[in-house]
């Protein structure tokens, strides 16, 4: 691929990132991405074999941003695994709140299935870090560490979605996620040592 091709490919991804950020997943048609990038509506097909491949490239950008956000979040955390895990959870929830359209796209495997882009190479290291921290914090209980980490992650993802939909405010009367985060961590990791 020459520089012009890779430049246009990057421009299409950037246009998709802008669209998903400003308008959400529903705005990511090939025609709209091409319009946003200032190219013909057929141009995306020359650089991405399928619409799913282009959506996956956009999602990969989101996973890269999430990884950077989580690295920053945990860098400022205390040395203990529970502190780092809480910082990781806050970073995850913060990303979801700041980038709801991108967050939705990243986890819509129904839209991204079979893209060949290798999103697992980006997302699985994040989950492995999460699993390692859960393993370090959680007392042995017989549950596989990956299952325990996945249950906590599902809880956090649910909190993110419910907050995005306005349901948490209805249920709790507040947008403050911190008490719910503490409850989720305690439920999955046991009480915090004093």
N, C-alpha and C. Protein backbone atom coordinates (compact mmCIF):
# COMPACT_ATOMS: atom_id res chain seq x y z
N UNK A 1 0.86 -1.18 0.00
CA UNK A 1 0.00 0.00 0.00
C UNK A 1 0.90 1.23 0.00
N UNK A 2 0.65 2.17 -0.91
CA UNK A 2 1.48 3.38 -0.97
C UNK A 2 1.00 4.42 0.04
N UNK A 3 1.76 5.51 0.15
CA UNK A 3 1.45 6.54 1.14
C UNK A 3 0.09 7.18 0.92
N UNK A 4 -0.27 7.39 -0.37
CA UNK A 4 -1.57 7.99 -0.66
C UNK A 4 -2.70 7.06 -0.21
N UNK A 5 -2.54 5.76 -0.50
CA UNK A 5 -3.56 4.79 -0.10
C UNK A 5 -3.69 4.73 1.43
N UNK A 6 -2.54 4.64 2.13
CA UNK A 6 -2.61 4.58 3.59
C UNK A 6 -3.14 5.88 4.16
N UNK A 7 -2.87 7.01 3.50
CA UNK A 7 -3.42 8.30 3.95
C UNK A 7 -4.93 8.34 3.82
N UNK A 8 -5.46 7.84 2.70
CA UNK A 8 -6.91 7.84 2.51
C UNK A 8 -7.57 6.83 3.45
N UNK A 9 -6.90 5.71 3.64
CA UNK A 9 -7.41 4.70 4.59
C UNK A 9 -7.52 5.32 5.99
N UNK A 10 -6.47 6.02 6.41
CA UNK A 10 -6.48 6.68 7.73
C UNK A 10 -7.55 7.77 7.78
N UNK A 11 -7.75 8.46 6.68
CA UNK A 11 -8.79 9.51 6.63
C UNK A 11 -10.19 8.92 6.79
N UNK A 12 -10.41 7.76 6.19
CA UNK A 12 -11.71 7.09 6.33
C UNK A 12 -11.94 6.65 7.78
N UNK A 13 -10.90 6.11 8.40
CA UNK A 13 -11.02 5.71 9.81
C UNK A 13 -11.27 6.94 10.68
N UNK A 14 -10.52 8.01 10.44
CA UNK A 14 -10.71 9.24 11.22
C UNK A 14 -12.12 9.80 11.04
N UNK A 15 -12.65 9.73 9.83
CA UNK A 15 -14.02 10.19 9.59
C UNK A 15 -15.00 9.32 10.37
N UNK A 16 -14.77 8.02 10.39
CA UNK A 16 -15.63 7.12 11.17
C UNK A 16 -15.55 7.39 12.65
N UNK A 17 -14.34 7.66 13.14
CA UNK A 17 -14.17 7.99 14.56
C UNK A 17 -14.94 9.26 14.89
N UNK A 18 -14.85 10.25 14.04
CA UNK A 18 -15.58 11.51 14.26
C UNK A 18 -17.09 11.26 14.27
N UNK A 19 -17.57 10.47 13.34
CA UNK A 19 -19.01 10.18 13.27
C UNK A 19 -19.50 9.42 14.49
N UNK A 20 -18.79 8.37 14.88
CA UNK A 20 -19.25 7.57 16.02
C UNK A 20 -19.18 8.39 17.30
N UNK A 21 -18.21 9.29 17.38
CA UNK A 21 -18.08 10.14 18.56
C UNK A 21 -19.19 11.18 18.63
N UNK A 22 -19.52 11.76 17.50
CA UNK A 22 -20.51 12.84 17.51
C UNK A 22 -21.95 12.36 17.35
N UNK A 23 -22.15 11.24 16.63
CA UNK A 23 -23.51 10.82 16.31
C UNK A 23 -23.88 9.41 16.73
N UNK A 24 -22.89 8.60 17.07
CA UNK A 24 -23.18 7.24 17.51
C UNK A 24 -23.03 6.21 16.41
N UNK A 25 -23.20 4.96 16.79
CA UNK A 25 -23.00 3.82 15.90
C UNK A 25 -23.92 3.88 14.68
N UNK A 26 -25.14 4.33 14.86
CA UNK A 26 -26.11 4.35 13.77
C UNK A 26 -25.67 5.22 12.59
N UNK A 27 -24.72 6.13 12.79
CA UNK A 27 -24.27 7.04 11.74
C UNK A 27 -23.18 6.43 10.85
N UNK A 28 -22.74 5.20 11.13
CA UNK A 28 -21.57 4.64 10.46
C UNK A 28 -21.88 3.87 9.18
N UNK A 29 -22.66 4.46 8.31
CA UNK A 29 -22.87 3.84 7.00
C UNK A 29 -21.65 4.15 6.13
N UNK A 30 -21.38 3.32 5.15
CA UNK A 30 -20.27 3.58 4.24
C UNK A 30 -20.42 4.92 3.55
N UNK A 31 -21.63 5.21 3.12
CA UNK A 31 -21.89 6.47 2.41
C UNK A 31 -21.60 7.67 3.31
N UNK A 32 -22.01 7.61 4.57
CA UNK A 32 -21.80 8.74 5.48
C UNK A 32 -20.32 8.89 5.85
N UNK A 33 -19.64 7.77 6.03
CA UNK A 33 -18.20 7.84 6.32
C UNK A 33 -17.47 8.46 5.12
N UNK A 34 -17.81 8.04 3.92
CA UNK A 34 -17.20 8.60 2.71
C UNK A 34 -17.48 10.10 2.61
N UNK A 35 -18.72 10.50 2.85
CA UNK A 35 -19.08 11.93 2.80
C UNK A 35 -18.26 12.71 3.81
N UNK A 36 -18.16 12.20 5.03
CA UNK A 36 -17.40 12.86 6.09
C UNK A 36 -15.92 12.98 5.71
N UNK A 37 -15.39 11.96 5.02
CA UNK A 37 -13.98 11.97 4.61
C UNK A 37 -13.75 12.79 3.35
N UNK A 38 -14.83 13.20 2.68
CA UNK A 38 -14.71 14.01 1.47
C UNK A 38 -14.29 13.21 0.24
N UNK A 39 -14.76 11.95 0.19
CA UNK A 39 -14.44 11.09 -0.96
C UNK A 39 -15.73 10.54 -1.54
N UNK A 40 -15.61 9.89 -2.71
CA UNK A 40 -16.80 9.32 -3.33
C UNK A 40 -17.35 8.19 -2.47
N UNK A 41 -18.64 7.92 -2.61
CA UNK A 41 -19.25 6.89 -1.76
C UNK A 41 -18.70 5.49 -2.06
N UNK A 42 -18.04 5.30 -3.17
CA UNK A 42 -17.44 4.01 -3.48
C UNK A 42 -16.00 3.86 -2.97
N UNK A 43 -15.39 4.95 -2.55
CA UNK A 43 -13.99 4.93 -2.12
C UNK A 43 -13.71 3.97 -0.96
N UNK A 44 -14.56 3.90 0.05
CA UNK A 44 -14.24 2.98 1.16
C UNK A 44 -14.04 1.54 0.71
N UNK A 45 -14.75 1.11 -0.32
CA UNK A 45 -14.64 -0.27 -0.81
C UNK A 45 -13.27 -0.56 -1.45
N UNK A 46 -12.57 0.49 -1.87
CA UNK A 46 -11.24 0.28 -2.45
C UNK A 46 -10.20 0.03 -1.35
N UNK A 47 -10.50 0.47 -0.13
CA UNK A 47 -9.51 0.39 0.96
C UNK A 47 -9.91 -0.59 2.05
N UNK A 48 -11.18 -0.93 2.10
CA UNK A 48 -11.69 -1.89 3.09
C UNK A 48 -12.58 -2.86 2.33
N UNK A 49 -12.26 -4.13 2.43
CA UNK A 49 -13.00 -5.14 1.65
C UNK A 49 -14.48 -5.17 2.00
N UNK A 50 -14.79 -4.89 3.27
CA UNK A 50 -16.19 -4.91 3.71
C UNK A 50 -16.44 -3.75 4.66
N UNK A 51 -17.70 -3.48 4.86
CA UNK A 51 -18.12 -2.47 5.83
C UNK A 51 -17.65 -2.88 7.23
N UNK A 52 -17.73 -4.18 7.53
CA UNK A 52 -17.31 -4.70 8.83
C UNK A 52 -15.83 -4.42 9.06
N UNK A 53 -15.01 -4.55 8.02
CA UNK A 53 -13.58 -4.28 8.16
C UNK A 53 -13.34 -2.81 8.52
N UNK A 54 -14.07 -1.90 7.90
CA UNK A 54 -13.93 -0.48 8.22
C UNK A 54 -14.41 -0.21 9.65
N UNK A 55 -15.55 -0.78 10.04
CA UNK A 55 -16.04 -0.60 11.41
C UNK A 55 -15.03 -1.13 12.42
N UNK A 56 -14.40 -2.24 12.11
CA UNK A 56 -13.41 -2.82 13.01
C UNK A 56 -12.17 -1.94 13.13
N UNK A 57 -11.77 -1.31 12.04
CA UNK A 57 -10.64 -0.38 12.10
C UNK A 57 -10.97 0.82 12.99
N UNK A 58 -12.21 1.27 12.93
CA UNK A 58 -12.67 2.36 13.79
C UNK A 58 -12.67 1.90 15.25
N UNK A 59 -13.18 0.69 15.49
CA UNK A 59 -13.21 0.13 16.84
C UNK A 59 -11.80 -0.06 17.39
N UNK A 60 -10.87 -0.47 16.54
CA UNK A 60 -9.47 -0.64 16.98
C UNK A 60 -8.93 0.70 17.50
N UNK A 61 -9.27 1.77 16.83
CA UNK A 61 -8.87 3.10 17.31
C UNK A 61 -9.41 3.33 18.72
N UNK A 62 -10.66 2.94 18.95
CA UNK A 62 -11.26 3.07 20.28
C UNK A 62 -10.54 2.22 21.31
N UNK A 63 -10.19 0.99 20.97
CA UNK A 63 -9.46 0.14 21.91
C UNK A 63 -8.09 0.72 22.24
N UNK A 64 -7.44 1.32 21.24
CA UNK A 64 -6.15 1.97 21.50
C UNK A 64 -6.31 3.13 22.47
N UNK A 65 -7.36 3.92 22.28
CA UNK A 65 -7.64 5.04 23.20
C UNK A 65 -7.97 4.54 24.60
N UNK A 66 -8.78 3.49 24.68
CA UNK A 66 -9.12 2.92 25.98
C UNK A 66 -7.86 2.42 26.69
N UNK A 67 -7.00 1.73 25.96
CA UNK A 67 -5.75 1.22 26.56
C UNK A 67 -4.91 2.37 27.10
N UNK A 68 -4.81 3.46 26.35
CA UNK A 68 -4.05 4.62 26.81
C UNK A 68 -4.69 5.24 28.04
N UNK A 69 -6.02 5.36 28.05
CA UNK A 69 -6.74 5.91 29.21
C UNK A 69 -6.51 5.03 30.44
N UNK A 70 -6.56 3.72 30.27
CA UNK A 70 -6.39 2.82 31.41
C UNK A 70 -4.95 2.83 31.92
N UNK A 71 -4.00 2.99 31.03
CA UNK A 71 -2.60 3.10 31.45
C UNK A 71 -2.41 4.35 32.30
N UNK A 72 -3.00 5.45 31.86
CA UNK A 72 -2.92 6.71 32.64
C UNK A 72 -3.63 6.55 33.99
N UNK A 73 -4.78 5.91 33.98
CA UNK A 73 -5.56 5.74 35.21
C UNK A 73 -4.81 4.91 36.24
N UNK A 74 -4.20 3.83 35.80
CA UNK A 74 -3.50 2.96 36.74
C UNK A 74 -2.15 3.52 37.15
N UNK A 75 -1.56 4.37 36.33
CA UNK A 75 -0.26 4.98 36.68
C UNK A 75 -0.39 5.85 37.92
N UNK A 76 -1.54 6.47 38.11
CA UNK A 76 -1.75 7.33 39.26
C UNK A 76 -2.31 6.61 40.47
N UNK A 77 -2.52 5.30 40.35
CA UNK A 77 -3.11 4.53 41.46
C UNK A 77 -2.03 4.12 42.45
N UNK A 78 -2.49 3.70 43.59
CA UNK A 78 -1.58 3.18 44.60
C UNK A 78 -0.93 1.88 44.14
N UNK A 79 -0.01 1.36 44.94
CA UNK A 79 0.75 0.18 44.52
C UNK A 79 -0.01 -1.14 44.63
N UNK A 80 -1.06 -1.20 45.44
CA UNK A 80 -1.77 -2.45 45.65
C UNK A 80 -2.64 -2.84 44.48
N UNK A 81 -2.85 -4.15 44.28
CA UNK A 81 -3.67 -4.60 43.16
C UNK A 81 -5.12 -4.12 43.24
N UNK A 82 -5.67 -4.02 44.44
CA UNK A 82 -7.05 -3.55 44.56
C UNK A 82 -7.15 -2.07 44.14
N UNK A 83 -6.16 -1.28 44.52
CA UNK A 83 -6.14 0.14 44.13
C UNK A 83 -6.00 0.26 42.61
N UNK A 84 -5.13 -0.55 42.04
CA UNK A 84 -4.95 -0.52 40.58
C UNK A 84 -6.21 -1.00 39.87
N UNK A 85 -6.86 -2.03 40.42
CA UNK A 85 -8.09 -2.53 39.82
C UNK A 85 -9.21 -1.49 39.91
N UNK A 86 -9.32 -0.80 41.03
CA UNK A 86 -10.32 0.26 41.17
C UNK A 86 -10.04 1.39 40.17
N UNK A 87 -8.76 1.74 40.00
CA UNK A 87 -8.39 2.78 39.03
C UNK A 87 -8.72 2.32 37.61
N UNK A 88 -8.46 1.05 37.32
CA UNK A 88 -8.78 0.49 36.01
C UNK A 88 -10.29 0.56 35.77
N UNK A 89 -11.07 0.20 36.78
CA UNK A 89 -12.53 0.24 36.67
C UNK A 89 -13.02 1.67 36.46
N UNK A 90 -12.45 2.61 37.20
CA UNK A 90 -12.84 4.03 37.02
C UNK A 90 -12.49 4.51 35.62
N UNK A 91 -11.32 4.12 35.14
CA UNK A 91 -10.91 4.50 33.79
C UNK A 91 -11.85 3.94 32.74
N UNK A 92 -12.25 2.70 32.92
CA UNK A 92 -13.18 2.04 32.01
C UNK A 92 -14.52 2.75 31.99
N UNK A 93 -15.04 3.03 33.19
CA UNK A 93 -16.32 3.73 33.29
C UNK A 93 -16.22 5.16 32.77
N UNK A 94 -15.08 5.80 33.01
CA UNK A 94 -14.86 7.16 32.50
C UNK A 94 -14.83 7.19 30.98
N UNK A 95 -14.15 6.22 30.37
CA UNK A 95 -14.11 6.14 28.91
C UNK A 95 -15.52 5.94 28.36
N UNK A 96 -16.27 5.04 28.98
CA UNK A 96 -17.65 4.77 28.53
C UNK A 96 -18.51 6.03 28.59
N UNK A 97 -18.32 6.82 29.64
CA UNK A 97 -19.12 8.05 29.79
C UNK A 97 -18.68 9.12 28.79
N UNK A 98 -17.39 9.22 28.55
CA UNK A 98 -16.86 10.26 27.67
C UNK A 98 -17.06 9.92 26.19
N UNK A 99 -17.09 8.63 25.85
CA UNK A 99 -17.17 8.22 24.44
C UNK A 99 -18.23 7.14 24.25
N UNK A 100 -19.49 7.46 24.51
CA UNK A 100 -20.52 6.41 24.47
C UNK A 100 -20.69 5.74 23.10
N UNK A 101 -20.58 6.49 22.03
CA UNK A 101 -20.72 5.89 20.71
C UNK A 101 -19.59 4.92 20.41
N UNK A 102 -18.37 5.34 20.69
CA UNK A 102 -17.22 4.46 20.45
C UNK A 102 -17.28 3.24 21.36
N UNK A 103 -17.66 3.47 22.63
CA UNK A 103 -17.77 2.38 23.58
C UNK A 103 -18.76 1.33 23.08
N UNK A 104 -19.89 1.78 22.57
CA UNK A 104 -20.88 0.84 22.05
C UNK A 104 -20.31 0.05 20.88
N UNK A 105 -19.68 0.75 19.92
CA UNK A 105 -19.13 0.07 18.75
C UNK A 105 -18.10 -0.99 19.15
N UNK A 106 -17.22 -0.65 20.08
CA UNK A 106 -16.13 -1.55 20.46
C UNK A 106 -16.63 -2.90 20.97
N UNK A 107 -17.79 -2.92 21.58
CA UNK A 107 -18.28 -4.15 22.17
C UNK A 107 -19.47 -4.74 21.42
N UNK A 108 -19.72 -4.24 20.23
CA UNK A 108 -20.79 -4.78 19.39
C UNK A 108 -20.22 -5.85 18.47
N UNK A 109 -19.93 -7.00 19.03
CA UNK A 109 -19.36 -8.07 18.24
C UNK A 109 -20.30 -8.54 17.14
N UNK A 110 -21.59 -8.26 17.31
CA UNK A 110 -22.54 -8.58 16.24
C UNK A 110 -22.25 -7.75 14.99
N UNK A 111 -21.69 -6.54 15.16
CA UNK A 111 -21.34 -5.69 14.03
C UNK A 111 -19.93 -5.96 13.51
N UNK A 112 -19.06 -6.47 14.36
CA UNK A 112 -17.64 -6.58 14.03
C UNK A 112 -17.18 -8.00 13.72
N UNK A 113 -18.05 -8.96 13.89
CA UNK A 113 -17.71 -10.38 13.71
C UNK A 113 -17.13 -10.65 12.33
N UNK A 114 -16.01 -11.37 12.30
CA UNK A 114 -15.43 -11.81 11.05
C UNK A 114 -14.71 -10.74 10.26
N UNK A 115 -14.26 -9.69 10.92
CA UNK A 115 -13.61 -8.60 10.19
C UNK A 115 -12.20 -8.94 9.76
N UNK A 116 -11.55 -9.85 10.48
CA UNK A 116 -10.17 -10.16 10.16
C UNK A 116 -9.18 -9.11 10.63
N UNK A 117 -9.65 -8.09 11.35
CA UNK A 117 -8.78 -7.00 11.79
C UNK A 117 -7.97 -7.39 13.02
N UNK A 118 -8.40 -8.38 13.75
CA UNK A 118 -7.65 -8.81 14.93
C UNK A 118 -7.90 -7.94 16.15
N UNK A 119 -9.13 -7.60 16.40
CA UNK A 119 -9.45 -6.79 17.58
C UNK A 119 -9.06 -7.50 18.87
N UNK A 120 -9.03 -8.82 18.84
CA UNK A 120 -8.66 -9.56 20.05
C UNK A 120 -7.23 -9.23 20.47
N UNK A 121 -6.36 -8.94 19.50
CA UNK A 121 -4.99 -8.58 19.83
C UNK A 121 -4.94 -7.30 20.66
N UNK A 122 -5.94 -6.46 20.51
CA UNK A 122 -6.00 -5.21 21.26
C UNK A 122 -6.78 -5.37 22.55
N UNK A 123 -7.89 -6.11 22.50
CA UNK A 123 -8.76 -6.20 23.67
C UNK A 123 -8.33 -7.25 24.69
N UNK A 124 -7.79 -8.38 24.24
CA UNK A 124 -7.44 -9.44 25.19
C UNK A 124 -6.33 -9.05 26.18
N UNK A 125 -5.31 -8.31 25.78
CA UNK A 125 -4.32 -7.88 26.79
C UNK A 125 -4.95 -7.05 27.90
N UNK A 126 -5.95 -6.24 27.56
CA UNK A 126 -6.65 -5.46 28.59
C UNK A 126 -7.36 -6.39 29.55
N UNK A 127 -8.02 -7.40 29.01
CA UNK A 127 -8.73 -8.34 29.87
C UNK A 127 -7.76 -9.17 30.71
N UNK A 128 -6.61 -9.54 30.14
CA UNK A 128 -5.61 -10.29 30.91
C UNK A 128 -5.09 -9.46 32.09
N UNK A 129 -4.87 -8.17 31.88
CA UNK A 129 -4.45 -7.30 32.98
C UNK A 129 -5.52 -7.29 34.06
N UNK A 130 -6.76 -7.15 33.66
CA UNK A 130 -7.89 -7.16 34.57
C UNK A 130 -7.93 -8.47 35.36
N UNK A 131 -7.77 -9.59 34.65
CA UNK A 131 -7.80 -10.92 35.29
C UNK A 131 -6.66 -11.07 36.29
N UNK A 132 -5.48 -10.61 35.93
CA UNK A 132 -4.32 -10.69 36.83
C UNK A 132 -4.59 -9.93 38.12
N UNK A 133 -5.14 -8.73 38.00
CA UNK A 133 -5.42 -7.93 39.20
C UNK A 133 -6.51 -8.58 40.05
N UNK A 134 -7.55 -9.10 39.41
CA UNK A 134 -8.62 -9.78 40.16
C UNK A 134 -8.02 -10.97 40.91
N UNK A 135 -7.15 -11.71 40.26
CA UNK A 135 -6.52 -12.88 40.88
C UNK A 135 -5.68 -12.47 42.10
N UNK A 136 -4.98 -11.36 41.99
CA UNK A 136 -4.14 -10.89 43.10
C UNK A 136 -4.97 -10.41 44.29
N UNK A 137 -6.15 -9.88 44.02
CA UNK A 137 -6.98 -9.30 45.08
C UNK A 137 -7.89 -10.32 45.72
N UNK A 138 -8.51 -11.16 44.92
CA UNK A 138 -9.60 -12.01 45.33
C UNK A 138 -9.13 -13.23 46.10
N UNK A 139 -9.77 -13.49 47.21
CA UNK A 139 -9.43 -14.73 47.92
C UNK A 139 -9.85 -15.93 47.09
N UNK A 140 -9.10 -17.03 47.16
CA UNK A 140 -9.48 -18.22 46.38
C UNK A 140 -10.87 -18.70 46.77
N UNK A 141 -11.69 -18.99 45.76
CA UNK A 141 -13.06 -19.41 46.05
C UNK A 141 -13.51 -20.58 45.21
N UNK A 142 -12.62 -21.07 44.38
CA UNK A 142 -13.01 -22.17 43.51
C UNK A 142 -13.38 -21.72 42.11
N UNK A 143 -13.79 -20.47 41.95
CA UNK A 143 -14.12 -19.97 40.62
C UNK A 143 -12.83 -19.68 39.86
N UNK A 144 -12.84 -19.96 38.59
CA UNK A 144 -11.69 -19.66 37.74
C UNK A 144 -11.45 -18.15 37.75
N UNK A 145 -10.18 -17.72 37.80
CA UNK A 145 -9.90 -16.28 37.80
C UNK A 145 -10.51 -15.54 36.60
N UNK A 146 -10.45 -16.16 35.42
CA UNK A 146 -11.03 -15.50 34.24
C UNK A 146 -12.53 -15.34 34.37
N UNK A 147 -13.21 -16.33 34.97
CA UNK A 147 -14.66 -16.23 35.17
C UNK A 147 -14.98 -15.13 36.18
N UNK A 148 -14.20 -15.06 37.26
CA UNK A 148 -14.42 -14.00 38.26
C UNK A 148 -14.17 -12.63 37.66
N UNK A 149 -13.12 -12.52 36.85
CA UNK A 149 -12.81 -11.23 36.21
C UNK A 149 -13.90 -10.87 35.20
N UNK A 150 -14.38 -11.86 34.46
CA UNK A 150 -15.45 -11.60 33.48
C UNK A 150 -16.73 -11.16 34.17
N UNK A 151 -17.04 -11.75 35.33
CA UNK A 151 -18.25 -11.35 36.06
C UNK A 151 -18.14 -9.90 36.53
N UNK A 152 -16.98 -9.52 37.04
CA UNK A 152 -16.78 -8.13 37.46
C UNK A 152 -16.83 -7.20 36.27
N UNK A 153 -16.18 -7.59 35.17
CA UNK A 153 -16.20 -6.76 33.96
C UNK A 153 -17.63 -6.59 33.45
N UNK A 154 -18.42 -7.67 33.46
CA UNK A 154 -19.81 -7.58 33.02
C UNK A 154 -20.59 -6.62 33.91
N UNK A 155 -20.30 -6.66 35.21
CA UNK A 155 -20.95 -5.74 36.14
C UNK A 155 -20.60 -4.29 35.81
N UNK A 156 -19.31 -4.04 35.56
CA UNK A 156 -18.86 -2.69 35.20
C UNK A 156 -19.47 -2.25 33.88
N UNK A 157 -19.49 -3.16 32.92
CA UNK A 157 -20.07 -2.83 31.61
C UNK A 157 -21.56 -2.50 31.76
N UNK A 158 -22.24 -3.26 32.59
CA UNK A 158 -23.66 -2.97 32.85
C UNK A 158 -23.85 -1.62 33.50
N UNK A 159 -22.99 -1.27 34.45
CA UNK A 159 -23.06 0.06 35.07
C UNK A 159 -22.88 1.15 34.01
N UNK A 160 -21.90 0.93 33.13
CA UNK A 160 -21.64 1.92 32.08
C UNK A 160 -22.86 2.09 31.18
N UNK A 161 -23.45 0.97 30.76
CA UNK A 161 -24.62 1.04 29.88
C UNK A 161 -25.83 1.66 30.57
N UNK A 162 -26.09 1.23 31.79
CA UNK A 162 -27.24 1.78 32.51
C UNK A 162 -27.09 3.28 32.75
N UNK A 163 -25.86 3.72 33.03
CA UNK A 163 -25.63 5.15 33.21
C UNK A 163 -25.86 5.88 31.89
N UNK A 164 -25.36 5.31 30.77
CA UNK A 164 -25.54 5.94 29.46
C UNK A 164 -27.01 6.07 29.09
N UNK A 165 -27.82 5.09 29.47
CA UNK A 165 -29.24 5.11 29.14
C UNK A 165 -30.07 5.93 30.13
N UNK A 166 -29.46 6.43 31.19
CA UNK A 166 -30.19 7.21 32.19
C UNK A 166 -30.90 6.37 33.23
N UNK A 167 -30.73 5.06 33.17
CA UNK A 167 -31.43 4.17 34.10
C UNK A 167 -30.88 4.24 35.52
N UNK A 168 -29.58 4.46 35.68
CA UNK A 168 -29.02 4.54 37.03
C UNK A 168 -29.59 5.73 37.79
N UNK A 169 -29.74 6.84 37.11
CA UNK A 169 -30.32 8.03 37.76
C UNK A 169 -31.73 7.73 38.23
N UNK A 170 -32.50 7.03 37.41
CA UNK A 170 -33.86 6.68 37.81
C UNK A 170 -33.86 5.76 39.03
N UNK A 171 -32.94 4.80 39.05
CA UNK A 171 -32.92 3.82 40.14
C UNK A 171 -32.32 4.37 41.42
N UNK A 172 -31.28 5.20 41.30
CA UNK A 172 -30.56 5.65 42.49
C UNK A 172 -30.79 7.12 42.82
N UNK A 173 -31.34 7.87 41.88
CA UNK A 173 -31.55 9.31 42.10
C UNK A 173 -30.28 10.12 41.93
N UNK A 174 -29.22 9.49 41.39
CA UNK A 174 -27.94 10.18 41.26
C UNK A 174 -27.18 9.65 40.06
N UNK A 175 -26.27 10.48 39.55
CA UNK A 175 -25.37 10.04 38.49
C UNK A 175 -24.02 9.60 39.07
N UNK A 176 -23.88 9.67 40.39
CA UNK A 176 -22.62 9.32 41.03
C UNK A 176 -22.39 7.81 40.94
N UNK A 177 -21.40 7.42 40.21
CA UNK A 177 -21.11 6.01 39.98
C UNK A 177 -20.26 5.42 41.10
N UNK A 178 -19.61 6.26 41.89
CA UNK A 178 -18.64 5.80 42.90
C UNK A 178 -19.23 4.81 43.92
N UNK A 179 -20.40 5.07 44.51
CA UNK A 179 -20.95 4.08 45.45
C UNK A 179 -21.24 2.74 44.78
N UNK A 180 -21.67 2.78 43.54
CA UNK A 180 -21.95 1.54 42.80
C UNK A 180 -20.66 0.81 42.46
N UNK A 181 -19.62 1.56 42.15
CA UNK A 181 -18.32 0.95 41.88
C UNK A 181 -17.80 0.25 43.14
N UNK A 182 -17.89 0.92 44.28
CA UNK A 182 -17.46 0.30 45.54
C UNK A 182 -18.25 -0.97 45.83
N UNK A 183 -19.56 -0.93 45.60
CA UNK A 183 -20.41 -2.10 45.83
C UNK A 183 -20.03 -3.25 44.89
N UNK A 184 -19.78 -2.94 43.63
CA UNK A 184 -19.40 -3.97 42.65
C UNK A 184 -18.07 -4.60 43.03
N UNK A 185 -17.09 -3.78 43.39
CA UNK A 185 -15.79 -4.31 43.79
C UNK A 185 -15.91 -5.19 45.03
N UNK A 186 -16.68 -4.73 46.00
CA UNK A 186 -16.86 -5.53 47.23
C UNK A 186 -17.58 -6.84 46.93
N UNK A 187 -18.57 -6.81 46.07
CA UNK A 187 -19.33 -8.01 45.74
C UNK A 187 -18.46 -9.05 45.03
N UNK A 188 -17.56 -8.61 44.17
CA UNK A 188 -16.76 -9.54 43.38
C UNK A 188 -15.41 -9.87 44.01
N UNK A 189 -14.92 -8.98 44.87
CA UNK A 189 -13.57 -9.17 45.42
C UNK A 189 -13.56 -9.42 46.91
N UNK A 190 -14.69 -9.26 47.54
CA UNK A 190 -14.74 -9.34 49.00
C UNK A 190 -14.51 -7.96 49.59
N UNK A 191 -14.74 -7.81 50.88
CA UNK A 191 -14.59 -6.50 51.51
C UNK A 191 -13.13 -6.04 51.47
N UNK A 192 -13.00 -4.73 51.43
CA UNK A 192 -11.66 -4.15 51.41
C UNK A 192 -11.00 -4.33 52.78
N UNK A 193 -9.74 -4.74 52.78
CA UNK A 193 -9.01 -4.93 54.05
C UNK A 193 -8.78 -3.57 54.70
N UNK A 194 -8.94 -3.53 55.97
CA UNK A 194 -8.73 -2.27 56.70
C UNK A 194 -7.39 -2.25 57.36
